[in-house]
Amino acid sequence: MPDCDQACTSPVISVKEQQTKDHFSLAQITLPLVELFSAIQGEGANVGCRQIFIRLAGCDLRCTYCDSAHTWLVPAHALIEEQAGDRHFQTVANPVTAAHILKAVQQLNTPPIHDSISLTGGEPLLHAATLALFLPLLKAHSSLPLYLETGGHHPEALEQILPYLDSVGMDIKLPSVSGECHWSAHEAFLRLCDRAPVEVFCKVIISQTTDPTDLHRLSDLVASVNPDIPVFLQPVTPVGTGRCTPPPTPAQVLAWQGQLKARLTHVRVIPQTHKFLGQR
């Protein structure tokens, strides 16, 4: 509760003034959107849950196994699903206003069948400054928890929106698999999540090319922050029909899970289940 001085000096905002302020914000805030739709989450700790996906454009990584290369650049138009699960989309010119996004979220969640909202990409944290304005509005207009899917390499951006999040699924990029190397940033990112009142888990893509020394470093990193943080090993899904990253063998998966279990409490193996279910 605020002290007397704070209470006496705080400005009083009428309901009408607040509505005007919200309307202005909704009209002015815009985001580069790829698509907004309802689907079953296929990865990590929320696998099987029904979510509304807000997929933002733009990514500063170029992982060799990426299955979302269409999100790297901002499309001229975004796709917004009209009714949850019907796969009929309207096209909206980018960038899309907060007002349009909130209306779409409300429509998709009528009736209220979703467990949470997934902020995904691309890399959502490239738009942290805008999300810091948008997420409080999303919280106010929706009763759904907010879940961030991220590459886990922008801790300074995470700080801007962490107070509005309920859970975070962060990738830890193994250099031998992804071609990316962000160990220091991953550690700083994970420490921020562990100190905050959010649920957090790590997702790690593995393939036949996984270097066991990368897994040693992974276990060192997570154990140094909190060995109880769940880690999900995700066998790479082959992309396209040409040259692709080969998935790990069954023997490799068993060996690597055992290696991590020696130091970490929760290590699970889950592939991209939405691919088997025909989800987006």
C-alpha atoms as a PDB file:
ATOM      1  CA  MET A   1       0.000   0.000   0.000  1.00  0.00           C
ATOM      2  CA  PRO A   2       1.457   3.440  -0.883  1.00  0.00           C
ATOM      3  CA  ASP A   3       2.475   5.828   1.935  1.00  0.00           C
ATOM      4  CA  CYS A   4       0.572   9.089   2.552  1.00  0.00           C
ATOM      5  CA  ASP A   5       2.842  11.274   0.424  1.00  0.00           C
ATOM      6  CA  GLN A   6       2.574   8.909  -2.541  1.00  0.00           C
ATOM      7  CA  ALA A   7      -1.185   8.677  -2.178  1.00  0.00           C
ATOM      8  CA  CYS A   8      -1.594  12.447  -1.988  1.00  0.00           C
ATOM      9  CA  THR A   9       0.616  13.274  -4.953  1.00  0.00           C
ATOM     10  CA  SER A  10      -0.557  10.542  -7.364  1.00  0.00           C
ATOM     11  CA  PRO A  11      -2.768  11.934 -10.150  1.00  0.00           C
ATOM     12  CA  VAL A  12      -6.367  10.760 -10.247  1.00  0.00           C
ATOM     13  CA  ILE A  13      -7.345   9.383 -13.664  1.00  0.00           C
ATOM     14  CA  SER A  14     -11.027   9.079 -14.414  1.00  0.00           C
ATOM     15  CA  VAL A  15     -12.465   6.043 -16.165  1.00  0.00           C
ATOM     16  CA  LYS A  16     -13.129   8.162 -19.258  1.00  0.00           C
ATOM     17  CA  GLU A  17      -9.550   9.485 -19.276  1.00  0.00           C
ATOM     18  CA  GLN A  18      -8.177   5.947 -18.900  1.00  0.00           C
ATOM     19  CA  GLN A  19     -10.340   4.707 -21.777  1.00  0.00           C
ATOM     20  CA  THR A  20      -9.103   7.588 -23.939  1.00  0.00           C
ATOM     21  CA  LYS A  21      -5.510   6.751 -23.008  1.00  0.00           C
ATOM     22  CA  ASP A  22      -6.023   3.067 -23.831  1.00  0.00           C
ATOM     23  CA  HIS A  23      -7.662   3.933 -27.158  1.00  0.00           C
ATOM     24  CA  PHE A  24      -4.721   6.161 -28.069  1.00  0.00           C
ATOM     25  CA  SER A  25      -2.264   3.426 -27.135  1.00  0.00           C
ATOM     26  CA  LEU A  26      -4.126   0.772 -29.098  1.00  0.00           C
ATOM     27  CA  ALA A  27      -4.160   2.976 -32.164  1.00  0.00           C
ATOM     28  CA  GLN A  28      -0.488   3.942 -31.947  1.00  0.00           C
ATOM     29  CA  ILE A  29       1.217   0.650 -31.020  1.00  0.00           C
ATOM     30  CA  THR A  30       2.029  -1.572 -34.004  1.00  0.00           C
ATOM     31  CA  LEU A  31       3.879  -4.854 -34.418  1.00  0.00           C
ATOM     32  CA  PRO A  32       5.320  -6.703 -37.451  1.00  0.00           C
ATOM     33  CA  LEU A  33       3.136  -9.790 -37.491  1.00  0.00           C
ATOM     34  CA  VAL A  34       3.566 -12.994 -39.482  1.00  0.00           C
ATOM     35  CA  GLU A  35       0.439 -14.764 -38.290  1.00  0.00           C
ATOM     36  CA  LEU A  36      -2.024 -15.056 -35.427  1.00  0.00           C
ATOM     37  CA  PHE A  37      -3.866 -18.339 -34.972  1.00  0.00           C
ATOM     38  CA  SER A  38      -5.115 -21.043 -32.619  1.00  0.00           C
ATOM     39  CA  ALA A  39      -3.291 -24.386 -32.391  1.00  0.00           C
ATOM     40  CA  ILE A  40      -1.972 -27.145 -30.166  1.00  0.00           C
ATOM     41  CA  GLN A  41       1.464 -26.446 -28.718  1.00  0.00           C
ATOM     42  CA  GLY A  42       3.862 -29.119 -29.910  1.00  0.00           C
ATOM     43  CA  GLU A  43       7.076 -28.376 -28.032  1.00  0.00           C
ATOM     44  CA  GLY A  44       8.483 -28.235 -24.525  1.00  0.00           C
ATOM     45  CA  ALA A  45       6.659 -28.014 -21.222  1.00  0.00           C
ATOM     46  CA  ASN A  46       3.355 -26.885 -22.752  1.00  0.00           C
ATOM     47  CA  VAL A  47       3.066 -29.711 -25.269  1.00  0.00           C
ATOM     48  CA  GLY A  48      -0.571 -30.621 -25.893  1.00  0.00           C
ATOM     49  CA  CYS A  49      -1.950 -27.324 -24.580  1.00  0.00           C
ATOM     50  CA  ARG A  50      -4.243 -25.163 -26.695  1.00  0.00           C
ATOM     51  CA  GLN A  51      -2.688 -21.767 -27.333  1.00  0.00           C
ATOM     52  CA  ILE A  52      -3.218 -18.600 -29.306  1.00  0.00           C
ATOM     53  CA  PHE A  53      -0.006 -17.975 -31.224  1.00  0.00           C
ATOM     54  CA  ILE A  54       1.125 -14.415 -31.930  1.00  0.00           C
ATOM     55  CA  ARG A  55       4.024 -14.969 -34.338  1.00  0.00           C
ATOM     56  CA  LEU A  56       6.183 -11.888 -34.824  1.00  0.00           C
ATOM     57  CA  ALA A  57       8.494 -11.273 -37.771  1.00  0.00           C
ATOM     58  CA  GLY A  58      12.243 -10.822 -37.688  1.00  0.00           C
ATOM     59  CA  CYS A  59      15.117 -12.968 -36.431  1.00  0.00           C
ATOM     60  CA  ASP A  60      18.797 -12.197 -35.951  1.00  0.00           C
ATOM     61  CA  LEU A  61      19.845 -15.877 -35.916  1.00  0.00           C
ATOM     62  CA  ARG A  62      20.306 -18.266 -38.823  1.00  0.00           C
ATOM     63  CA  CYS A  63      20.154 -21.720 -37.252  1.00  0.00           C
ATOM     64  CA  THR A  64      20.993 -24.455 -39.739  1.00  0.00           C
ATOM     65  CA  TYR A  65      17.885 -26.484 -38.835  1.00  0.00           C
ATOM     66  CA  CYS A  66      15.405 -23.564 -38.805  1.00  0.00           C
ATOM     67  CA  ASP A  67      11.874 -24.542 -39.840  1.00  0.00           C
ATOM     68  CA  SER A  68      10.596 -20.958 -39.695  1.00  0.00           C
ATOM     69  CA  ALA A  69      12.764 -19.145 -42.233  1.00  0.00           C
ATOM     70  CA  HIS A  70       9.635 -17.379 -43.475  1.00  0.00           C
ATOM     71  CA  THR A  71       9.698 -15.372 -40.235  1.00  0.00           C
ATOM     72  CA  TRP A  72      13.144 -13.847 -40.784  1.00  0.00           C
ATOM     73  CA  LEU A  73      11.792 -10.868 -42.727  1.00  0.00           C
ATOM     74  CA  VAL A  74       8.634  -8.812 -42.283  1.00  0.00           C
ATOM     75  CA  PRO A  75       5.943  -9.851 -44.797  1.00  0.00           C
ATOM     76  CA  ALA A  76       3.821  -7.233 -46.516  1.00  0.00           C
ATOM     77  CA  HIS A  77       0.712  -8.796 -44.990  1.00  0.00           C
ATOM     78  CA  ALA A  78      -0.012 -10.822 -41.861  1.00  0.00           C
ATOM     79  CA  LEU A  79      -2.380 -13.789 -41.654  1.00  0.00           C
ATOM     80  CA  ILE A  80      -5.007 -13.666 -38.898  1.00  0.00           C
ATOM     81  CA  GLU A  81      -7.242 -16.672 -38.289  1.00  0.00           C
ATOM     82  CA  GLU A  82     -10.929 -15.769 -38.221  1.00  0.00           C
ATOM     83  CA  GLN A  83     -12.230 -18.557 -35.947  1.00  0.00           C
ATOM     84  CA  ALA A  84     -10.206 -20.837 -33.693  1.00  0.00           C
ATOM     85  CA  GLY A  85      -9.009 -23.837 -35.666  1.00  0.00           C
ATOM     86  CA  ASP A  86     -10.947 -23.182 -38.885  1.00  0.00           C
ATOM     87  CA  ARG A  87      -7.771 -22.218 -40.820  1.00  0.00           C
ATOM     88  CA  HIS A  88      -9.545 -19.444 -42.671  1.00  0.00           C
ATOM     89  CA  PHE A  89      -7.327 -16.378 -42.577  1.00  0.00           C
ATOM     90  CA  GLN A  90      -7.788 -12.729 -43.315  1.00  0.00           C
ATOM     91  CA  THR A  91      -4.817 -10.737 -44.589  1.00  0.00           C
ATOM     92  CA  VAL A  92      -3.873  -7.509 -42.843  1.00  0.00           C
ATOM     93  CA  ALA A  93      -1.198  -5.048 -43.932  1.00  0.00           C
ATOM     94  CA  ASN A  94       1.901  -4.832 -41.732  1.00  0.00           C
ATOM     95  CA  PRO A  95       2.581  -3.464 -39.229  1.00  0.00           C
ATOM     96  CA  VAL A  96      -0.589  -4.493 -37.407  1.00  0.00           C
ATOM     97  CA  THR A  97      -2.095  -2.286 -34.702  1.00  0.00           C
ATOM     98  CA  ALA A  98      -2.483  -3.421 -31.114  1.00  0.00           C
ATOM     99  CA  ALA A  99      -6.215  -2.815 -31.444  1.00  0.00           C
ATOM    100  CA  HIS A 100      -6.460  -5.290 -34.326  1.00  0.00           C
ATOM    101  CA  ILE A 101      -4.403  -7.916 -32.482  1.00  0.00           C
ATOM    102  CA  LEU A 102      -6.450  -7.623 -29.290  1.00  0.00           C
ATOM    103  CA  LYS A 103      -9.701  -7.920 -31.215  1.00  0.00           C
ATOM    104  CA  ALA A 104      -8.409 -11.036 -32.996  1.00  0.00           C
ATOM    105  CA  VAL A 105      -7.301 -12.616 -29.708  1.00  0.00           C
ATOM    106  CA  GLN A 106     -10.714 -11.972 -28.180  1.00  0.00           C
ATOM    107  CA  GLN A 107     -12.474 -13.464 -31.190  1.00  0.00           C
ATOM    108  CA  LEU A 108     -10.288 -16.590 -31.219  1.00  0.00           C
ATOM    109  CA  ASN A 109     -10.865 -17.157 -27.523  1.00  0.00           C
ATOM    110  CA  THR A 110     -14.659 -16.968 -27.778  1.00  0.00           C
ATOM    111  CA  PRO A 111     -15.629 -19.395 -26.328  1.00  0.00           C
ATOM    112  CA  PRO A 112     -12.644 -19.502 -23.910  1.00  0.00           C
ATOM    113  CA  ILE A 113     -10.903 -22.727 -24.971  1.00  0.00           C
ATOM    114  CA  HIS A 114      -7.247 -21.653 -24.724  1.00  0.00           C
ATOM    115  CA  ASP A 115      -4.725 -22.274 -21.957  1.00  0.00           C
ATOM    116  CA  SER A 116      -2.379 -19.398 -22.770  1.00  0.00           C
ATOM    117  CA  ILE A 117      -1.012 -17.024 -25.403  1.00  0.00           C
ATOM    118  CA  SER A 118       2.310 -17.839 -27.059  1.00  0.00           C
ATOM    119  CA  LEU A 119       4.523 -14.936 -28.141  1.00  0.00           C
ATOM    120  CA  THR A 120       6.714 -16.531 -30.775  1.00  0.00           C
ATOM    121  CA  GLY A 121       8.645 -15.774 -33.940  1.00  0.00           C
ATOM    122  CA  GLY A 122      11.154 -15.259 -35.354  1.00  0.00           C
ATOM    123  CA  GLU A 123      12.617 -13.684 -32.273  1.00  0.00           C
ATOM    124  CA  PRO A 124       9.979 -11.733 -30.332  1.00  0.00           C
ATOM    125  CA  LEU A 125      12.567  -9.931 -28.201  1.00  0.00           C
ATOM    126  CA  LEU A 126      13.733  -7.927 -31.205  1.00  0.00           C
ATOM    127  CA  HIS A 127      10.542  -5.955 -30.513  1.00  0.00           C
ATOM    128  CA  ALA A 128      10.948  -5.703 -26.728  1.00  0.00           C
ATOM    129  CA  ALA A 129      10.426  -1.928 -26.580  1.00  0.00           C
ATOM    130  CA  THR A 130       7.081  -2.216 -28.355  1.00  0.00           C
ATOM    131  CA  LEU A 131       6.084  -5.339 -26.427  1.00  0.00           C
ATOM    132  CA  ALA A 132       6.719  -3.443 -23.179  1.00  0.00           C
ATOM    133  CA  LEU A 133       3.874  -1.153 -24.249  1.00  0.00           C
ATOM    134  CA  PHE A 134       1.662  -3.840 -25.766  1.00  0.00           C
ATOM    135  CA  LEU A 135       1.816  -6.636 -23.178  1.00  0.00           C
ATOM    136  CA  PRO A 136       0.195  -4.643 -20.342  1.00  0.00           C
ATOM    137  CA  LEU A 137      -2.709  -3.981 -22.716  1.00  0.00           C
ATOM    138  CA  LEU A 138      -2.850  -7.657 -23.672  1.00  0.00           C
ATOM    139  CA  LYS A 139      -2.879  -8.565 -19.982  1.00  0.00           C
ATOM    140  CA  ALA A 140      -5.689  -6.105 -19.325  1.00  0.00           C
ATOM    141  CA  HIS A 141      -7.827  -7.322 -22.229  1.00  0.00           C
ATOM    142  CA  SER A 142      -7.219 -11.062 -21.805  1.00  0.00           C
ATOM    143  CA  SER A 143      -7.281 -13.393 -18.819  1.00  0.00           C
ATOM    144  CA  LEU A 144      -4.823 -15.773 -20.496  1.00  0.00           C
ATOM    145  CA  PRO A 145      -1.268 -16.339 -19.208  1.00  0.00           C
ATOM    146  CA  LEU A 146       1.524 -15.068 -21.473  1.00  0.00           C
ATOM    147  CA  TYR A 147       4.207 -17.494 -22.632  1.00  0.00           C
ATOM    148  CA  LEU A 148       7.367 -16.348 -24.449  1.00  0.00           C
ATOM    149  CA  GLU A 149       9.158 -18.588 -26.960  1.00  0.00           C
ATOM    150  CA  THR A 150      12.642 -17.217 -27.573  1.00  0.00           C
ATOM    151  CA  GLY A 151      16.179 -17.972 -28.658  1.00  0.00           C
ATOM    152  CA  GLY A 152      17.256 -16.926 -25.171  1.00  0.00           C
ATOM    153  CA  HIS A 153      20.113 -14.673 -26.275  1.00  0.00           C
ATOM    154  CA  HIS A 154      18.821 -11.157 -25.507  1.00  0.00           C
ATOM    155  CA  PRO A 155      18.827 -10.809 -21.697  1.00  0.00           C
ATOM    156  CA  GLU A 156      18.723  -7.002 -21.817  1.00  0.00           C
ATOM    157  CA  ALA A 157      15.577  -7.123 -23.951  1.00  0.00           C
ATOM    158  CA  LEU A 158      13.995  -9.746 -21.695  1.00  0.00           C
ATOM    159  CA  GLU A 159      14.277  -7.373 -18.729  1.00  0.00           C
ATOM    160  CA  GLN A 160      11.912  -4.944 -20.465  1.00  0.00           C
ATOM    161  CA  ILE A 161       9.014  -7.412 -20.653  1.00  0.00           C
ATOM    162  CA  LEU A 162       9.720  -9.985 -17.928  1.00  0.00           C
ATOM    163  CA  PRO A 163       7.224  -8.414 -15.470  1.00  0.00           C
ATOM    164  CA  TYR A 164       4.375  -9.175 -17.886  1.00  0.00           C
ATOM    165  CA  LEU A 165       5.258 -12.830 -18.572  1.00  0.00           C
ATOM    166  CA  ASP A 166       4.010 -15.964 -16.848  1.00  0.00           C
ATOM    167  CA  SER A 167       6.353 -18.491 -18.462  1.00  0.00           C
ATOM    168  CA  VAL A 168       9.392 -18.604 -20.729  1.00  0.00           C
ATOM    169  CA  GLY A 169      10.617 -21.341 -23.042  1.00  0.00           C
ATOM    170  CA  MET A 170      14.186 -20.493 -24.026  1.00  0.00           C
ATOM    171  CA  ASP A 171      16.387 -22.225 -26.533  1.00  0.00           C
ATOM    172  CA  ILE A 172      19.973 -23.030 -25.700  1.00  0.00           C
ATOM    173  CA  LYS A 173      21.736 -23.159 -29.042  1.00  0.00           C
ATOM    174  CA  LEU A 174      24.397 -25.859 -29.303  1.00  0.00           C
ATOM    175  CA  PRO A 175      27.104 -24.579 -31.692  1.00  0.00           C
ATOM    176  CA  SER A 176      27.664 -28.046 -33.158  1.00  0.00           C
ATOM    177  CA  VAL A 177      24.004 -28.244 -34.203  1.00  0.00           C
ATOM    178  CA  SER A 178      22.760 -24.698 -34.772  1.00  0.00           C
ATOM    179  CA  GLY A 179      25.885 -22.960 -36.037  1.00  0.00           C
ATOM    180  CA  GLU A 180      25.213 -20.292 -33.380  1.00  0.00           C
ATOM    181  CA  CYS A 181      27.198 -19.682 -30.170  1.00  0.00           C
ATOM    182  CA  HIS A 182      25.679 -17.611 -27.353  1.00  0.00           C
ATOM    183  CA  TRP A 183      26.748 -19.267 -24.100  1.00  0.00           C
ATOM    184  CA  SER A 184      27.270 -16.072 -22.073  1.00  0.00           C
ATOM    185  CA  ALA A 185      23.988 -14.560 -23.222  1.00  0.00           C
ATOM    186  CA  HIS A 186      22.148 -17.827 -22.489  1.00  0.00           C
ATOM    187  CA  GLU A 187      23.509 -17.883 -18.941  1.00  0.00           C
ATOM    188  CA  ALA A 188      22.558 -14.267 -18.247  1.00  0.00           C
ATOM    189  CA  PHE A 189      19.113 -14.896 -19.737  1.00  0.00           C
ATOM    190  CA  LEU A 190      18.482 -18.019 -17.671  1.00  0.00           C
ATOM    191  CA  ARG A 191      19.572 -16.283 -14.452  1.00  0.00           C
ATOM    192  CA  LEU A 192      17.078 -13.491 -15.066  1.00  0.00           C
ATOM    193  CA  CYS A 193      14.286 -16.020 -15.548  1.00  0.00           C
ATOM    194  CA  ASP A 194      15.264 -18.030 -12.482  1.00  0.00           C
ATOM    195  CA  ARG A 195      15.177 -14.931 -10.279  1.00  0.00           C
ATOM    196  CA  ALA A 196      11.802 -13.789 -11.596  1.00  0.00           C
ATOM    197  CA  PRO A 197       8.364 -15.156 -10.636  1.00  0.00           C
ATOM    198  CA  VAL A 198       7.973 -17.006 -13.944  1.00  0.00           C
ATOM    199  CA  GLU A 199       8.105 -20.630 -14.988  1.00  0.00           C
ATOM    200  CA  VAL A 200      11.091 -21.338 -17.225  1.00  0.00           C
ATOM    201  CA  PHE A 201      12.411 -24.304 -19.171  1.00  0.00           C
ATOM    202  CA  CYS A 202      15.193 -24.837 -21.686  1.00  0.00           C
ATOM    203  CA  LYS A 203      14.749 -26.414 -25.099  1.00  0.00           C
ATOM    204  CA  VAL A 204      17.786 -27.903 -26.808  1.00  0.00           C
ATOM    205  CA  ILE A 205      17.815 -29.127 -30.407  1.00  0.00           C
ATOM    206  CA  ILE A 206      19.952 -32.244 -30.894  1.00  0.00           C
ATOM    207  CA  SER A 207      21.093 -33.993 -34.079  1.00  0.00           C
ATOM    208  CA  GLN A 208      23.605 -36.598 -35.205  1.00  0.00           C
ATOM    209  CA  THR A 209      26.213 -33.833 -35.292  1.00  0.00           C
ATOM    210  CA  THR A 210      25.808 -32.896 -31.616  1.00  0.00           C
ATOM    211  CA  ASP A 211      29.193 -32.543 -29.930  1.00  0.00           C
ATOM    212  CA  PRO A 212      29.157 -34.144 -26.438  1.00  0.00           C
ATOM    213  CA  THR A 213      31.331 -31.274 -25.179  1.00  0.00           C
ATOM    214  CA  ASP A 214      28.435 -28.929 -25.990  1.00  0.00           C
ATOM    215  CA  LEU A 215      26.221 -31.061 -23.754  1.00  0.00           C
ATOM    216  CA  HIS A 216      28.806 -30.877 -20.960  1.00  0.00           C
ATOM    217  CA  ARG A 217      28.768 -27.099 -21.233  1.00  0.00           C
ATOM    218  CA  LEU A 218      24.965 -27.120 -21.315  1.00  0.00           C
ATOM    219  CA  SER A 219      24.764 -29.136 -18.101  1.00  0.00           C
ATOM    220  CA  ASP A 220      27.364 -26.876 -16.451  1.00  0.00           C
ATOM    221  CA  LEU A 221      25.358 -23.793 -17.416  1.00  0.00           C
ATOM    222  CA  VAL A 222      21.972 -25.009 -16.202  1.00  0.00           C
ATOM    223  CA  ALA A 223      23.375 -26.590 -13.028  1.00  0.00           C
ATOM    224  CA  SER A 224      25.170 -23.348 -12.138  1.00  0.00           C
ATOM    225  CA  VAL A 225      21.864 -21.452 -12.294  1.00  0.00           C
ATOM    226  CA  ASN A 226      19.421 -24.038 -10.936  1.00  0.00           C
ATOM    227  CA  PRO A 227      19.646 -27.803 -11.573  1.00  0.00           C
ATOM    228  CA  ASP A 228      15.868 -28.086 -11.131  1.00  0.00           C
ATOM    229  CA  ILE A 229      15.120 -26.061 -14.282  1.00  0.00           C
ATOM    230  CA  PRO A 230      13.557 -28.505 -16.784  1.00  0.00           C
ATOM    231  CA  VAL A 231      15.527 -29.246 -19.952  1.00  0.00           C
ATOM    232  CA  PHE A 232      13.807 -30.618 -23.053  1.00  0.00           C
ATOM    233  CA  LEU A 233      15.932 -32.377 -25.656  1.00  0.00           C
ATOM    234  CA  GLN A 234      14.245 -32.005 -29.026  1.00  0.00           C
ATOM    235  CA  PRO A 235      15.502 -34.214 -31.867  1.00  0.00           C
ATOM    236  CA  VAL A 236      15.844 -32.074 -34.965  1.00  0.00           C
ATOM    237  CA  THR A 237      13.043 -32.327 -37.509  1.00  0.00           C
ATOM    238  CA  PRO A 238      14.415 -32.688 -41.073  1.00  0.00           C
ATOM    239  CA  VAL A 239      13.453 -29.638 -43.134  1.00  0.00           C
ATOM    240  CA  GLY A 240      12.656 -29.888 -46.850  1.00  0.00           C
ATOM    241  CA  THR A 241      13.692 -32.569 -49.297  1.00  0.00           C
ATOM    242  CA  GLY A 242      17.274 -31.485 -49.954  1.00  0.00           C
ATOM    243  CA  ARG A 243      20.270 -31.351 -47.674  1.00  0.00           C
ATOM    244  CA  CYS A 244      19.147 -31.236 -44.041  1.00  0.00           C
ATOM    245  CA  THR A 245      20.472 -31.772 -40.534  1.00  0.00           C
ATOM    246  CA  PRO A 246      20.160 -35.510 -39.701  1.00  0.00           C
ATOM    247  CA  PRO A 247      18.232 -36.393 -36.534  1.00  0.00           C
ATOM    248  CA  PRO A 248      20.049 -38.246 -33.744  1.00  0.00           C
ATOM    249  CA  THR A 249      20.025 -42.019 -33.549  1.00  0.00           C
ATOM    250  CA  PRO A 250      18.019 -43.730 -30.789  1.00  0.00           C
ATOM    251  CA  ALA A 251      21.279 -44.700 -29.074  1.00  0.00           C
ATOM    252  CA  GLN A 252      22.515 -41.101 -29.126  1.00  0.00           C
ATOM    253  CA  VAL A 253      19.295 -39.819 -27.584  1.00  0.00           C
ATOM    254  CA  LEU A 254      19.475 -42.325 -24.723  1.00  0.00           C
ATOM    255  CA  ALA A 255      23.146 -41.600 -24.072  1.00  0.00           C
ATOM    256  CA  TRP A 256      22.734 -37.821 -24.084  1.00  0.00           C
ATOM    257  CA  GLN A 257      19.684 -37.853 -21.838  1.00  0.00           C
ATOM    258  CA  GLY A 258      21.616 -40.014 -19.385  1.00  0.00           C
ATOM    259  CA  GLN A 259      24.591 -37.669 -19.554  1.00  0.00           C
ATOM    260  CA  LEU A 260      22.438 -34.671 -18.622  1.00  0.00           C
ATOM    261  CA  LYS A 261      20.422 -36.565 -15.999  1.00  0.00           C
ATOM    262  CA  ALA A 262      23.645 -37.141 -14.076  1.00  0.00           C
ATOM    263  CA  ARG A 263      23.617 -33.432 -13.149  1.00  0.00           C
ATOM    264  CA  LEU A 264      20.133 -32.084 -13.849  1.00  0.00           C
ATOM    265  CA  THR A 265      16.838 -33.054 -12.222  1.00  0.00           C
ATOM    266  CA  HIS A 266      14.397 -32.869 -15.135  1.00  0.00           C
ATOM    267  CA  VAL A 267      15.558 -33.911 -18.603  1.00  0.00           C
ATOM    268  CA  ARG A 268      12.905 -35.014 -21.089  1.00  0.00           C
ATOM    269  CA  VAL A 269      12.987 -35.946 -24.768  1.00  0.00           C
ATOM    270  CA  ILE A 270      10.097 -34.612 -26.857  1.00  0.00           C
ATOM    271  CA  PRO A 271      10.075 -34.200 -30.655  1.00  0.00           C
ATOM    272  CA  GLN A 272       8.007 -31.586 -32.476  1.00  0.00           C
ATOM    273  CA  THR A 273       4.660 -33.271 -31.840  1.00  0.00           C
ATOM    274  CA  HIS A 274       2.678 -30.649 -33.776  1.00  0.00           C
ATOM    275  CA  LYS A 275       4.374 -31.881 -36.949  1.00  0.00           C
ATOM    276  CA  PHE A 276       2.810 -35.320 -36.416  1.00  0.00           C
ATOM    277  CA  LEU A 277      -0.581 -33.765 -35.671  1.00  0.00           C
ATOM    278  CA  GLY A 278      -0.668 -31.575 -38.753  1.00  0.00           C
ATOM    279  CA  GLN A 279      -0.657 -28.359 -36.711  1.00  0.00           C
ATOM    280  CA  ARG A 280       0.901 -25.074 -37.836  1.00  0.00           C
END
